Amino acid sequence: MAAPPKQSTILDARSFDRTLRRMADEIVELNNGTDDLVIVGIQRRGVQLAARIVSLIEEREHASVPQGALDITLYRDDLQTVGPRPLVGQTQIPVDVHSQVVVIVDDVLYTGRTIRAALDELADFGRPRRIALAVLIDRGGRELPIQPDIVGKTITADPSQRVDVLVQELDGRNGAVIAAREAEAGT
């Protein structure tokens, strides 16, 4: 039996929470308040991160911020490699995004292809005044000219490694780890 894959912790639970608090503050600063602000998470873990950021903003600013979710599955440029029946999650945009400031939230920014797909899907809902990107982890390795406006943590990861963000709702704990890609066998 093979030994369990080696993992290194990027963010433990406490640093994960601190990072989200800082990102929430940076989003408010970037927007100069909460007026016309909409926060949209990318399925899967971006949705949970967006919900926490919205909660932190509401708690600190005493203002309600609309929150949405994007499932970019059908907008992927590699959809033909996914298989004949891709699993499509929910897309929900709770407000008209026209003239709003939309912050897209994702867990890990790597090639930029997920964000390109999210921009394509978001365009189907209207024309925001501005779109910003907030990511918990920027691992480098861009294939497209996409850069985040707000970054929780920047790391350098080799293509042979994967970065996993863990959220309580889906994984039973909060954090982020880096591990060898070989650990993905069978998934």
Foldseek 3Di string as FASTA:
>chain_A
DDDAFDKDFPWAQVLLVVLLLVLLVVVCVVVVHQPLEEEEEEPDVRLVSSVVSQVSNCVVRVDHHHYWYDHLQVLAPVNVVCDDDDDTDDTDGPDQQDQGEYEYEYAEDAACRSVVSVVVVVVVRDDYPYYFYEYAEYQYHYNDPDDHPHYSYYHHDDPQKDKDADDCVPHVGGGIMITGPVSVPPD
